[in-house]
Amino acid sequence: MRVLLVEDDDDLREVIASGLRDGGFAVDCAADWPEADVLLHVTAYDCVVLDRMLPSGDTLVPLEARRRAGWSVPVLCLTALDSLPERLRGLESGADDYLAKPFAMRELVLRVRGLSRRAPARLPAFLDCADVVMDVARHEVRRGGVLLSLSPKEYAVLQQLLVHRDAVVTRTGLLEHCWDEMADPVSNVVDAVVAGLRRKLGSPGLVHTVRGQGFLLSAEPGPGPA
Protein backbone atom coordinates (compact mmCIF):
# COMPACT_ATOMS: atom_id res chain seq x y z
CA MET A 1 0.00 0.00 0.00
CA ARG A 2 1.28 3.44 -0.93
CA VAL A 3 0.99 6.43 1.39
CA LEU A 4 1.64 10.14 0.90
CA LEU A 5 3.06 11.88 3.99
CA VAL A 6 2.72 15.68 4.06
CA GLU A 7 4.79 17.17 6.89
CA ASP A 8 6.97 20.29 6.90
CA ASP A 9 9.23 19.37 9.84
CA ASP A 10 12.21 17.62 8.25
CA ASP A 11 13.18 15.51 11.26
CA LEU A 12 9.63 14.45 12.08
CA ARG A 13 8.93 13.68 8.43
CA GLU A 14 11.92 11.35 8.35
CA VAL A 15 10.86 9.58 11.56
CA ILE A 16 7.27 9.11 10.43
CA ALA A 17 8.28 7.91 6.96
CA SER A 18 10.67 5.40 8.49
CA GLY A 19 8.00 4.12 10.89
CA LEU A 20 5.43 3.72 8.11
CA ARG A 21 7.94 1.91 5.91
CA ASP A 22 8.75 -0.43 8.78
CA GLY A 23 4.99 -1.06 8.94
CA GLY A 24 5.00 -2.24 5.34
CA PHE A 25 3.97 0.91 3.46
CA ALA A 26 5.58 2.54 0.47
CA VAL A 27 5.86 6.22 1.45
CA ASP A 28 6.23 9.35 -0.66
CA CYS A 29 6.86 12.64 1.14
CA ALA A 30 5.99 16.28 0.61
CA ALA A 31 6.94 19.29 2.74
CA ASP A 32 4.08 21.56 1.69
CA TRP A 33 0.68 21.37 0.01
CA PRO A 34 1.69 22.53 -3.51
CA GLU A 35 4.22 19.69 -3.66
CA ALA A 36 1.65 17.24 -2.31
CA ASP A 37 -0.93 18.43 -4.84
CA VAL A 38 1.43 17.58 -7.71
CA LEU A 39 2.04 14.09 -6.32
CA LEU A 40 -1.69 13.51 -5.86
CA HIS A 41 -2.25 14.29 -9.53
CA VAL A 42 0.30 11.74 -10.78
CA THR A 43 0.18 8.90 -8.22
CA ALA A 44 -2.64 6.76 -6.83
CA TYR A 45 -2.37 6.61 -3.04
CA ASP A 46 -4.16 4.36 -0.55
CA CYS A 47 -3.96 6.98 2.22
CA VAL A 48 -2.67 10.49 2.91
CA VAL A 49 -1.15 11.50 6.27
CA LEU A 50 -1.59 15.25 6.42
CA ASP A 51 -0.18 17.85 8.78
CA ARG A 52 -2.62 20.70 9.37
CA MET A 53 -0.39 23.76 9.44
CA LEU A 54 2.11 24.00 6.57
CA PRO A 55 4.04 26.97 5.12
CA SER A 56 1.25 27.46 2.56
CA GLY A 57 -1.44 27.52 5.28
CA ASP A 58 -4.07 25.26 6.83
CA THR A 59 -4.43 22.14 4.68
CA LEU A 60 -8.11 21.79 5.58
CA VAL A 61 -8.85 24.43 2.92
CA PRO A 62 -7.48 22.46 -0.07
CA LEU A 63 -8.71 19.20 1.49
CA GLU A 64 -12.25 20.52 1.62
CA ALA A 65 -11.99 21.71 -1.98
CA ARG A 66 -10.82 18.28 -3.14
CA ARG A 67 -13.65 16.57 -1.26
CA ARG A 68 -16.21 18.84 -2.96
CA ALA A 69 -14.70 17.78 -6.30
CA GLY A 70 -15.28 14.12 -5.45
CA TRP A 71 -11.82 13.09 -4.27
CA SER A 72 -12.18 10.01 -2.04
CA VAL A 73 -8.69 8.97 -0.90
CA PRO A 74 -8.66 8.41 2.90
CA VAL A 75 -6.93 11.18 4.87
CA LEU A 76 -5.52 11.14 8.39
CA CYS A 77 -4.81 14.55 9.92
CA LEU A 78 -1.70 14.41 12.09
CA THR A 79 -1.40 17.68 13.98
CA ALA A 80 -0.73 19.48 17.23
CA LEU A 81 -4.12 21.20 16.89
CA ASP A 82 -5.81 18.76 19.23
CA SER A 83 -8.69 20.69 20.82
CA LEU A 84 -12.20 19.34 20.32
CA PRO A 85 -13.26 22.23 18.03
CA GLU A 86 -10.19 21.65 15.85
CA ARG A 87 -10.79 17.90 15.68
CA LEU A 88 -14.41 18.47 14.71
CA ARG A 89 -13.40 21.01 12.09
CA GLY A 90 -10.93 18.53 10.61
CA LEU A 91 -13.53 15.78 10.35
CA GLU A 92 -16.13 18.19 8.94
CA SER A 93 -13.65 19.34 6.30
CA GLY A 94 -13.11 15.84 4.97
CA ALA A 95 -10.54 14.10 7.16
CA ASP A 96 -11.35 10.45 7.83
CA ASP A 97 -9.31 10.28 11.02
CA TYR A 98 -7.54 12.72 13.33
CA LEU A 99 -4.46 11.96 15.44
CA ALA A 100 -2.85 14.51 17.75
CA LYS A 101 0.88 15.05 18.20
CA PRO A 102 2.68 13.63 20.08
CA PHE A 103 1.57 10.15 19.06
CA ALA A 104 2.63 6.52 19.24
CA MET A 105 4.07 5.25 15.97
CA ARG A 106 2.36 1.88 16.37
CA GLU A 107 -1.01 3.61 16.65
CA LEU A 108 -0.31 5.67 13.55
CA VAL A 109 0.64 2.55 11.55
CA LEU A 110 -2.54 0.75 12.62
CA ARG A 111 -4.73 3.75 11.83
CA VAL A 112 -3.16 4.21 8.39
CA ARG A 113 -3.55 0.50 7.71
CA GLY A 114 -7.23 0.69 8.65
CA LEU A 115 -7.81 3.77 6.47
CA SER A 116 -5.99 2.19 3.53
CA ARG A 117 -8.53 -0.61 3.53
CA ARG A 118 -11.21 2.03 2.96
CA ALA A 119 -9.58 3.26 -0.26
CA PRO A 120 -11.74 3.29 -3.42
CA ALA A 121 -10.49 -0.19 -4.42
CA ARG A 122 -11.24 -1.59 -0.98
CA LEU A 123 -9.72 -4.95 -0.19
CA PRO A 124 -11.82 -7.86 1.04
CA ALA A 125 -11.20 -9.16 4.55
CA PHE A 126 -9.37 -12.22 3.18
CA LEU A 127 -7.39 -12.91 0.01
CA ASP A 128 -6.51 -16.45 -0.97
CA CYS A 129 -4.96 -18.74 -3.57
CA ALA A 130 -4.90 -22.49 -3.08
CA ASP A 131 -4.05 -22.99 0.61
CA VAL A 132 -2.51 -19.51 1.04
CA VAL A 133 -4.78 -17.16 2.98
CA MET A 134 -4.05 -13.48 3.74
CA ASP A 135 -5.94 -11.92 6.65
CA VAL A 136 -5.92 -8.27 5.58
CA ALA A 137 -7.12 -6.87 8.90
CA ARG A 138 -4.59 -8.82 10.97
CA HIS A 139 -1.82 -8.36 8.40
CA GLU A 140 -1.12 -12.11 8.53
CA VAL A 141 -0.51 -14.80 5.93
CA ARG A 142 -0.93 -18.54 6.43
CA ARG A 143 -0.26 -21.47 4.17
CA GLY A 144 -1.96 -24.70 5.11
CA GLY A 145 -2.88 -23.03 8.39
CA VAL A 146 0.76 -22.27 9.26
CA LEU A 147 1.61 -18.63 9.95
CA LEU A 148 4.32 -17.31 7.62
CA SER A 149 6.90 -14.71 8.63
CA LEU A 150 7.02 -12.29 5.71
CA SER A 151 8.94 -9.05 5.45
CA PRO A 152 6.87 -5.90 4.82
CA LYS A 153 7.83 -5.87 1.13
CA GLU A 154 7.12 -9.60 0.71
CA TYR A 155 3.69 -9.04 2.24
CA ALA A 156 3.02 -6.05 -0.04
CA VAL A 157 4.05 -7.96 -3.17
CA LEU A 158 2.00 -11.00 -2.19
CA GLN A 159 -1.01 -8.77 -1.57
CA GLN A 160 -0.75 -7.31 -5.08
CA LEU A 161 -0.39 -10.78 -6.59
CA LEU A 162 -3.42 -12.01 -4.63
CA VAL A 163 -5.52 -9.01 -5.66
CA HIS A 164 -4.67 -9.79 -9.29
CA ARG A 165 -4.75 -13.56 -8.88
CA ASP A 166 -4.48 -15.47 -12.19
CA ALA A 167 -3.43 -12.29 -14.01
CA VAL A 168 0.04 -11.02 -14.83
CA VAL A 169 1.40 -8.23 -12.60
CA THR A 170 4.29 -6.37 -14.19
CA ARG A 171 7.49 -5.44 -12.40
CA THR A 172 6.61 -1.80 -13.03
CA GLY A 173 3.20 -2.31 -11.43
CA LEU A 174 4.78 -3.85 -8.35
CA LEU A 175 7.31 -1.02 -8.11
CA GLU A 176 4.59 1.63 -8.37
CA HIS A 177 2.38 0.09 -5.70
CA CYS A 178 4.80 -1.57 -3.26
CA TRP A 179 7.76 0.82 -3.39
CA ASP A 180 8.03 4.57 -3.14
CA GLU A 181 9.89 7.28 -5.03
CA MET A 182 13.19 6.20 -3.44
CA ALA A 183 13.20 2.87 -5.35
CA ASP A 184 15.61 2.44 -8.25
CA PRO A 185 13.49 1.36 -11.25
CA VAL A 186 16.43 -0.40 -12.93
CA SER A 187 17.48 -2.47 -9.91
CA ASN A 188 16.56 -6.11 -9.31
CA VAL A 189 14.77 -5.30 -6.05
CA VAL A 190 11.45 -6.75 -7.26
CA ASP A 191 13.04 -10.02 -8.36
CA ALA A 192 14.89 -10.30 -5.04
CA VAL A 193 11.70 -9.84 -3.01
CA VAL A 194 9.78 -12.30 -5.22
CA ALA A 195 12.56 -14.86 -4.78
CA GLY A 196 12.34 -14.51 -1.00
CA LEU A 197 8.55 -14.75 -1.13
CA ARG A 198 8.75 -17.96 -3.15
CA ARG A 199 11.08 -19.53 -0.61
CA LYS A 200 8.75 -18.70 2.26
CA LEU A 201 5.62 -19.86 0.43
CA GLY A 202 7.26 -23.22 -0.25
CA SER A 203 5.92 -25.97 -2.49
CA PRO A 204 4.04 -26.36 -4.66
CA GLY A 205 5.06 -23.06 -6.25
CA LEU A 206 2.34 -20.46 -6.75
CA VAL A 207 4.31 -17.46 -8.02
CA HIS A 208 5.16 -17.92 -11.69
CA THR A 209 7.42 -15.82 -13.89
CA VAL A 210 5.96 -14.73 -17.23
CA ARG A 211 8.96 -13.98 -19.43
CA GLY A 212 9.14 -10.38 -20.59
CA GLN A 213 6.00 -9.43 -18.64
CA GLY A 214 6.12 -10.00 -14.89
CA PHE A 215 4.65 -12.41 -12.37
CA LEU A 216 1.47 -14.40 -12.00
CA LEU A 217 0.02 -15.96 -8.85
CA SER A 218 -1.94 -19.10 -9.65
CA ALA A 219 -2.53 -22.61 -8.36
CA GLU A 220 -2.16 -23.76 -11.96
CA PRO A 221 1.28 -24.21 -13.59
CA GLY A 222 2.48 -20.91 -15.00
CA PRO A 223 3.48 -20.11 -18.58
CA GLY A 224 7.10 -19.57 -17.54
CA PRO A 225 9.56 -21.01 -15.01
CA ALA A 226 8.43 -20.76 -11.40
C-alpha atoms as a PDB file:
ATOM      1  CA  MET A   1       0.000   0.000   0.000  1.00  0.00           C
ATOM      2  CA  ARG A   2       1.276   3.445  -0.927  1.00  0.00           C
ATOM      3  CA  VAL A   3       0.986   6.434   1.391  1.00  0.00           C
ATOM      4  CA  LEU A   4       1.640  10.142   0.901  1.00  0.00           C
ATOM      5  CA  LEU A   5       3.057  11.881   3.986  1.00  0.00           C
ATOM      6  CA  VAL A   6       2.722  15.679   4.057  1.00  0.00           C
ATOM      7  CA  GLU A   7       4.791  17.169   6.893  1.00  0.00           C
ATOM      8  CA  ASP A   8       6.971  20.291   6.901  1.00  0.00           C
ATOM      9  CA  ASP A   9       9.228  19.375   9.842  1.00  0.00           C
ATOM     10  CA  ASP A  10      12.213  17.618   8.253  1.00  0.00           C
ATOM     11  CA  ASP A  11      13.178  15.511  11.263  1.00  0.00           C
ATOM     12  CA  LEU A  12       9.632  14.455  12.084  1.00  0.00           C
ATOM     13  CA  ARG A  13       8.927  13.682   8.435  1.00  0.00           C
ATOM     14  CA  GLU A  14      11.920  11.351   8.351  1.00  0.00           C
ATOM     15  CA  VAL A  15      10.859   9.584  11.564  1.00  0.00           C
ATOM     16  CA  ILE A  16       7.267   9.114  10.430  1.00  0.00           C
ATOM     17  CA  ALA A  17       8.279   7.906   6.961  1.00  0.00           C
ATOM     18  CA  SER A  18      10.672   5.397   8.487  1.00  0.00           C
ATOM     19  CA  GLY A  19       7.999   4.120  10.886  1.00  0.00           C
ATOM     20  CA  LEU A  20       5.434   3.720   8.111  1.00  0.00           C
ATOM     21  CA  ARG A  21       7.942   1.912   5.908  1.00  0.00           C
ATOM     22  CA  ASP A  22       8.752  -0.427   8.780  1.00  0.00           C
ATOM     23  CA  GLY A  23       4.995  -1.062   8.944  1.00  0.00           C
ATOM     24  CA  GLY A  24       4.997  -2.241   5.340  1.00  0.00           C
ATOM     25  CA  PHE A  25       3.968   0.912   3.460  1.00  0.00           C
ATOM     26  CA  ALA A  26       5.578   2.541   0.470  1.00  0.00           C
ATOM     27  CA  VAL A  27       5.864   6.219   1.454  1.00  0.00           C
ATOM     28  CA  ASP A  28       6.234   9.353  -0.663  1.00  0.00           C
ATOM     29  CA  CYS A  29       6.863  12.639   1.144  1.00  0.00           C
ATOM     30  CA  ALA A  30       5.993  16.283   0.610  1.00  0.00           C
ATOM     31  CA  ALA A  31       6.938  19.286   2.744  1.00  0.00           C
ATOM     32  CA  ASP A  32       4.079  21.560   1.685  1.00  0.00           C
ATOM     33  CA  TRP A  33       0.676  21.366   0.011  1.00  0.00           C
ATOM     34  CA  PRO A  34       1.689  22.528  -3.512  1.00  0.00           C
ATOM     35  CA  GLU A  35       4.224  19.694  -3.656  1.00  0.00           C
ATOM     36  CA  ALA A  36       1.646  17.242  -2.312  1.00  0.00           C
ATOM     37  CA  ASP A  37      -0.929  18.434  -4.837  1.00  0.00           C
ATOM     38  CA  VAL A  38       1.427  17.585  -7.713  1.00  0.00           C
ATOM     39  CA  LEU A  39       2.040  14.088  -6.322  1.00  0.00           C
ATOM     40  CA  LEU A  40      -1.692  13.508  -5.856  1.00  0.00           C
ATOM     41  CA  HIS A  41      -2.252  14.288  -9.531  1.00  0.00           C
ATOM     42  CA  VAL A  42       0.295  11.736 -10.777  1.00  0.00           C
ATOM     43  CA  THR A  43       0.175   8.901  -8.224  1.00  0.00           C
ATOM     44  CA  ALA A  44      -2.635   6.764  -6.830  1.00  0.00           C
ATOM     45  CA  TYR A  45      -2.375   6.614  -3.037  1.00  0.00           C
ATOM     46  CA  ASP A  46      -4.155   4.363  -0.553  1.00  0.00           C
ATOM     47  CA  CYS A  47      -3.962   6.978   2.217  1.00  0.00           C
ATOM     48  CA  VAL A  48      -2.666  10.494   2.910  1.00  0.00           C
ATOM     49  CA  VAL A  49      -1.148  11.496   6.267  1.00  0.00           C
ATOM     50  CA  LEU A  50      -1.585  15.246   6.419  1.00  0.00           C
ATOM     51  CA  ASP A  51      -0.177  17.849   8.783  1.00  0.00           C
ATOM     52  CA  ARG A  52      -2.617  20.702   9.370  1.00  0.00           C
ATOM     53  CA  MET A  53      -0.391  23.765   9.437  1.00  0.00           C
ATOM     54  CA  LEU A  54       2.107  23.997   6.567  1.00  0.00           C
ATOM     55  CA  PRO A  55       4.039  26.967   5.119  1.00  0.00           C
ATOM     56  CA  SER A  56       1.248  27.459   2.559  1.00  0.00           C
ATOM     57  CA  GLY A  57      -1.442  27.523   5.284  1.00  0.00           C
ATOM     58  CA  ASP A  58      -4.074  25.265   6.829  1.00  0.00           C
ATOM     59  CA  THR A  59      -4.432  22.141   4.685  1.00  0.00           C
ATOM     60  CA  LEU A  60      -8.110  21.791   5.577  1.00  0.00           C
ATOM     61  CA  VAL A  61      -8.854  24.430   2.919  1.00  0.00           C
ATOM     62  CA  PRO A  62      -7.476  22.461  -0.069  1.00  0.00           C
ATOM     63  CA  LEU A  63      -8.707  19.202   1.486  1.00  0.00           C
ATOM     64  CA  GLU A  64     -12.249  20.523   1.624  1.00  0.00           C
ATOM     65  CA  ALA A  65     -11.989  21.712  -1.984  1.00  0.00           C
ATOM     66  CA  ARG A  66     -10.818  18.282  -3.137  1.00  0.00           C
ATOM     67  CA  ARG A  67     -13.654  16.573  -1.263  1.00  0.00           C
ATOM     68  CA  ARG A  68     -16.206  18.837  -2.956  1.00  0.00           C
ATOM     69  CA  ALA A  69     -14.696  17.781  -6.296  1.00  0.00           C
ATOM     70  CA  GLY A  70     -15.284  14.118  -5.445  1.00  0.00           C
ATOM     71  CA  TRP A  71     -11.816  13.091  -4.271  1.00  0.00           C
ATOM     72  CA  SER A  72     -12.181  10.012  -2.037  1.00  0.00           C
ATOM     73  CA  VAL A  73      -8.689   8.967  -0.900  1.00  0.00           C
ATOM     74  CA  PRO A  74      -8.662   8.414   2.904  1.00  0.00           C
ATOM     75  CA  VAL A  75      -6.928  11.185   4.869  1.00  0.00           C
ATOM     76  CA  LEU A  76      -5.523  11.139   8.394  1.00  0.00           C
ATOM     77  CA  CYS A  77      -4.811  14.548   9.916  1.00  0.00           C
ATOM     78  CA  LEU A  78      -1.700  14.409  12.086  1.00  0.00           C
ATOM     79  CA  THR A  79      -1.401  17.679  13.985  1.00  0.00           C
ATOM     80  CA  ALA A  80      -0.729  19.483  17.226  1.00  0.00           C
ATOM     81  CA  LEU A  81      -4.124  21.205  16.894  1.00  0.00           C
ATOM     82  CA  ASP A  82      -5.813  18.760  19.234  1.00  0.00           C
ATOM     83  CA  SER A  83      -8.691  20.693  20.821  1.00  0.00           C
ATOM     84  CA  LEU A  84     -12.197  19.336  20.322  1.00  0.00           C
ATOM     85  CA  PRO A  85     -13.259  22.231  18.028  1.00  0.00           C
ATOM     86  CA  GLU A  86     -10.187  21.654  15.848  1.00  0.00           C
ATOM     87  CA  ARG A  87     -10.791  17.896  15.677  1.00  0.00           C
ATOM     88  CA  LEU A  88     -14.415  18.474  14.707  1.00  0.00           C
ATOM     89  CA  ARG A  89     -13.399  21.008  12.087  1.00  0.00           C
ATOM     90  CA  GLY A  90     -10.931  18.532  10.615  1.00  0.00           C
ATOM     91  CA  LEU A  91     -13.529  15.783  10.355  1.00  0.00           C
ATOM     92  CA  GLU A  92     -16.132  18.186   8.943  1.00  0.00           C
ATOM     93  CA  SER A  93     -13.647  19.338   6.304  1.00  0.00           C
ATOM     94  CA  GLY A  94     -13.114  15.839   4.970  1.00  0.00           C
ATOM     95  CA  ALA A  95     -10.541  14.104   7.155  1.00  0.00           C
ATOM     96  CA  ASP A  96     -11.354  10.450   7.826  1.00  0.00           C
ATOM     97  CA  ASP A  97      -9.312  10.285  11.023  1.00  0.00           C
ATOM     98  CA  TYR A  98      -7.536  12.722  13.328  1.00  0.00           C
ATOM     99  CA  LEU A  99      -4.456  11.965  15.443  1.00  0.00           C
ATOM    100  CA  ALA A 100      -2.853  14.514  17.746  1.00  0.00           C
ATOM    101  CA  LYS A 101       0.875  15.052  18.202  1.00  0.00           C
ATOM    102  CA  PRO A 102       2.684  13.628  20.081  1.00  0.00           C
ATOM    103  CA  PHE A 103       1.567  10.154  19.055  1.00  0.00           C
ATOM    104  CA  ALA A 104       2.633   6.521  19.238  1.00  0.00           C
ATOM    105  CA  MET A 105       4.072   5.245  15.965  1.00  0.00           C
ATOM    106  CA  ARG A 106       2.362   1.880  16.372  1.00  0.00           C
ATOM    107  CA  GLU A 107      -1.012   3.607  16.650  1.00  0.00           C
ATOM    108  CA  LEU A 108      -0.307   5.670  13.545  1.00  0.00           C
ATOM    109  CA  VAL A 109       0.644   2.553  11.553  1.00  0.00           C
ATOM    110  CA  LEU A 110      -2.536   0.749  12.622  1.00  0.00           C
ATOM    111  CA  ARG A 111      -4.735   3.753  11.834  1.00  0.00           C
ATOM    112  CA  VAL A 112      -3.165   4.215   8.395  1.00  0.00           C
ATOM    113  CA  ARG A 113      -3.555   0.502   7.707  1.00  0.00           C
ATOM    114  CA  GLY A 114      -7.228   0.693   8.648  1.00  0.00           C
ATOM    115  CA  LEU A 115      -7.813   3.766   6.474  1.00  0.00           C
ATOM    116  CA  SER A 116      -5.992   2.194   3.527  1.00  0.00           C
ATOM    117  CA  ARG A 117      -8.530  -0.612   3.525  1.00  0.00           C
ATOM    118  CA  ARG A 118     -11.215   2.033   2.956  1.00  0.00           C
ATOM    119  CA  ALA A 119      -9.575   3.264  -0.259  1.00  0.00           C
ATOM    120  CA  PRO A 120     -11.739   3.290  -3.417  1.00  0.00           C
ATOM    121  CA  ALA A 121     -10.493  -0.189  -4.416  1.00  0.00           C
ATOM    122  CA  ARG A 122     -11.242  -1.593  -0.981  1.00  0.00           C
ATOM    123  CA  LEU A 123      -9.717  -4.949  -0.190  1.00  0.00           C
ATOM    124  CA  PRO A 124     -11.819  -7.856   1.036  1.00  0.00           C
ATOM    125  CA  ALA A 125     -11.201  -9.164   4.549  1.00  0.00           C
ATOM    126  CA  PHE A 126      -9.374 -12.217   3.182  1.00  0.00           C
ATOM    127  CA  LEU A 127      -7.391 -12.909   0.008  1.00  0.00           C
ATOM    128  CA  ASP A 128      -6.505 -16.452  -0.971  1.00  0.00           C
ATOM    129  CA  CYS A 129      -4.964 -18.736  -3.566  1.00  0.00           C
ATOM    130  CA  ALA A 130      -4.897 -22.493  -3.081  1.00  0.00           C
ATOM    131  CA  ASP A 131      -4.054 -22.990   0.613  1.00  0.00           C
ATOM    132  CA  VAL A 132      -2.513 -19.515   1.042  1.00  0.00           C
ATOM    133  CA  VAL A 133      -4.777 -17.158   2.981  1.00  0.00           C
ATOM    134  CA  MET A 134      -4.053 -13.483   3.741  1.00  0.00           C
ATOM    135  CA  ASP A 135      -5.943 -11.921   6.645  1.00  0.00           C
ATOM    136  CA  VAL A 136      -5.921  -8.269   5.577  1.00  0.00           C
ATOM    137  CA  ALA A 137      -7.120  -6.866   8.903  1.00  0.00           C
ATOM    138  CA  ARG A 138      -4.589  -8.817  10.967  1.00  0.00           C
ATOM    139  CA  HIS A 139      -1.821  -8.362   8.403  1.00  0.00           C
ATOM    140  CA  GLU A 140      -1.117 -12.105   8.530  1.00  0.00           C
ATOM    141  CA  VAL A 141      -0.510 -14.801   5.928  1.00  0.00           C
ATOM    142  CA  ARG A 142      -0.929 -18.535   6.425  1.00  0.00           C
ATOM    143  CA  ARG A 143      -0.265 -21.472   4.172  1.00  0.00           C
ATOM    144  CA  GLY A 144      -1.963 -24.700   5.107  1.00  0.00           C
ATOM    145  CA  GLY A 145      -2.881 -23.032   8.395  1.00  0.00           C
ATOM    146  CA  VAL A 146       0.760 -22.267   9.260  1.00  0.00           C
ATOM    147  CA  LEU A 147       1.615 -18.629   9.948  1.00  0.00           C
ATOM    148  CA  LEU A 148       4.324 -17.305   7.624  1.00  0.00           C
ATOM    149  CA  SER A 149       6.900 -14.713   8.630  1.00  0.00           C
ATOM    150  CA  LEU A 150       7.019 -12.295   5.713  1.00  0.00           C
ATOM    151  CA  SER A 151       8.943  -9.047   5.447  1.00  0.00           C
ATOM    152  CA  PRO A 152       6.869  -5.898   4.820  1.00  0.00           C
ATOM    153  CA  LYS A 153       7.835  -5.868   1.133  1.00  0.00           C
ATOM    154  CA  GLU A 154       7.124  -9.596   0.709  1.00  0.00           C
ATOM    155  CA  TYR A 155       3.693  -9.042   2.238  1.00  0.00           C
ATOM    156  CA  ALA A 156       3.022  -6.050  -0.036  1.00  0.00           C
ATOM    157  CA  VAL A 157       4.055  -7.962  -3.172  1.00  0.00           C
ATOM    158  CA  LEU A 158       1.999 -10.998  -2.192  1.00  0.00           C
ATOM    159  CA  GLN A 159      -1.014  -8.771  -1.571  1.00  0.00           C
ATOM    160  CA  GLN A 160      -0.753  -7.311  -5.076  1.00  0.00           C
ATOM    161  CA  LEU A 161      -0.392 -10.776  -6.594  1.00  0.00           C
ATOM    162  CA  LEU A 162      -3.416 -12.008  -4.629  1.00  0.00           C
ATOM    163  CA  VAL A 163      -5.515  -9.009  -5.656  1.00  0.00           C
ATOM    164  CA  HIS A 164      -4.674  -9.787  -9.292  1.00  0.00           C
ATOM    165  CA  ARG A 165      -4.745 -13.558  -8.883  1.00  0.00           C
ATOM    166  CA  ASP A 166      -4.477 -15.472 -12.189  1.00  0.00           C
ATOM    167  CA  ALA A 167      -3.431 -12.287 -14.006  1.00  0.00           C
ATOM    168  CA  VAL A 168       0.044 -11.025 -14.831  1.00  0.00           C
ATOM    169  CA  VAL A 169       1.401  -8.234 -12.603  1.00  0.00           C
ATOM    170  CA  THR A 170       4.286  -6.369 -14.195  1.00  0.00           C
ATOM    171  CA  ARG A 171       7.489  -5.441 -12.397  1.00  0.00           C
ATOM    172  CA  THR A 172       6.608  -1.798 -13.028  1.00  0.00           C
ATOM    173  CA  GLY A 173       3.197  -2.308 -11.430  1.00  0.00           C
ATOM    174  CA  LEU A 174       4.782  -3.847  -8.349  1.00  0.00           C
ATOM    175  CA  LEU A 175       7.312  -1.019  -8.113  1.00  0.00           C
ATOM    176  CA  GLU A 176       4.594   1.627  -8.369  1.00  0.00           C
ATOM    177  CA  HIS A 177       2.379   0.092  -5.701  1.00  0.00           C
ATOM    178  CA  CYS A 178       4.797  -1.565  -3.264  1.00  0.00           C
ATOM    179  CA  TRP A 179       7.763   0.816  -3.388  1.00  0.00           C
ATOM    180  CA  ASP A 180       8.027   4.574  -3.137  1.00  0.00           C
ATOM    181  CA  GLU A 181       9.888   7.276  -5.030  1.00  0.00           C
ATOM    182  CA  MET A 182      13.191   6.197  -3.439  1.00  0.00           C
ATOM    183  CA  ALA A 183      13.198   2.875  -5.347  1.00  0.00           C
ATOM    184  CA  ASP A 184      15.606   2.443  -8.251  1.00  0.00           C
ATOM    185  CA  PRO A 185      13.487   1.357 -11.248  1.00  0.00           C
ATOM    186  CA  VAL A 186      16.435  -0.404 -12.927  1.00  0.00           C
ATOM    187  CA  SER A 187      17.478  -2.470  -9.906  1.00  0.00           C
ATOM    188  CA  ASN A 188      16.564  -6.109  -9.312  1.00  0.00           C
ATOM    189  CA  VAL A 189      14.774  -5.295  -6.050  1.00  0.00           C
ATOM    190  CA  VAL A 190      11.447  -6.748  -7.259  1.00  0.00           C
ATOM    191  CA  ASP A 191      13.038 -10.019  -8.356  1.00  0.00           C
ATOM    192  CA  ALA A 192      14.889 -10.298  -5.043  1.00  0.00           C
ATOM    193  CA  VAL A 193      11.701  -9.841  -3.014  1.00  0.00           C
ATOM    194  CA  VAL A 194       9.782 -12.295  -5.217  1.00  0.00           C
ATOM    195  CA  ALA A 195      12.561 -14.858  -4.779  1.00  0.00           C
ATOM    196  CA  GLY A 196      12.341 -14.506  -1.003  1.00  0.00           C
ATOM    197  CA  LEU A 197       8.554 -14.747  -1.130  1.00  0.00           C
ATOM    198  CA  ARG A 198       8.746 -17.961  -3.153  1.00  0.00           C
ATOM    199  CA  ARG A 199      11.084 -19.530  -0.605  1.00  0.00           C
ATOM    200  CA  LYS A 200       8.751 -18.702   2.262  1.00  0.00           C
ATOM    201  CA  LEU A 201       5.621 -19.864   0.435  1.00  0.00           C
ATOM    202  CA  GLY A 202       7.260 -23.223  -0.247  1.00  0.00           C
ATOM    203  CA  SER A 203       5.918 -25.967  -2.489  1.00  0.00           C
ATOM    204  CA  PRO A 204       4.043 -26.359  -4.661  1.00  0.00           C
ATOM    205  CA  GLY A 205       5.059 -23.065  -6.246  1.00  0.00           C
ATOM    206  CA  LEU A 206       2.339 -20.460  -6.748  1.00  0.00           C
ATOM    207  CA  VAL A 207       4.312 -17.462  -8.021  1.00  0.00           C
ATOM    208  CA  HIS A 208       5.162 -17.924 -11.692  1.00  0.00           C
ATOM    209  CA  THR A 209       7.422 -15.823 -13.890  1.00  0.00           C
ATOM    210  CA  VAL A 210       5.956 -14.729 -17.228  1.00  0.00           C
ATOM    211  CA  ARG A 211       8.955 -13.979 -19.425  1.00  0.00           C
ATOM    212  CA  GLY A 212       9.137 -10.384 -20.587  1.00  0.00           C
ATOM    213  CA  GLN A 213       6.002  -9.426 -18.645  1.00  0.00           C
ATOM    214  CA  GLY A 214       6.123 -10.004 -14.892  1.00  0.00           C
ATOM    215  CA  PHE A 215       4.653 -12.412 -12.366  1.00  0.00           C
ATOM    216  CA  LEU A 216       1.471 -14.398 -12.000  1.00  0.00           C
ATOM    217  CA  LEU A 217       0.017 -15.962  -8.854  1.00  0.00           C
ATOM    218  CA  SER A 218      -1.942 -19.104  -9.646  1.00  0.00           C
ATOM    219  CA  ALA A 219      -2.525 -22.606  -8.356  1.00  0.00           C
ATOM    220  CA  GLU A 220      -2.161 -23.765 -11.964  1.00  0.00           C
ATOM    221  CA  PRO A 221       1.277 -24.211 -13.592  1.00  0.00           C
ATOM    222  CA  GLY A 222       2.479 -20.906 -14.997  1.00  0.00           C
ATOM    223  CA  PRO A 223       3.478 -20.110 -18.580  1.00  0.00           C
ATOM    224  CA  GLY A 224       7.098 -19.570 -17.545  1.00  0.00           C
ATOM    225  CA  PRO A 225       9.555 -21.009 -15.013  1.00  0.00           C
ATOM    226  CA  ALA A 226       8.431 -20.764 -11.402  1.00  0.00           C
END
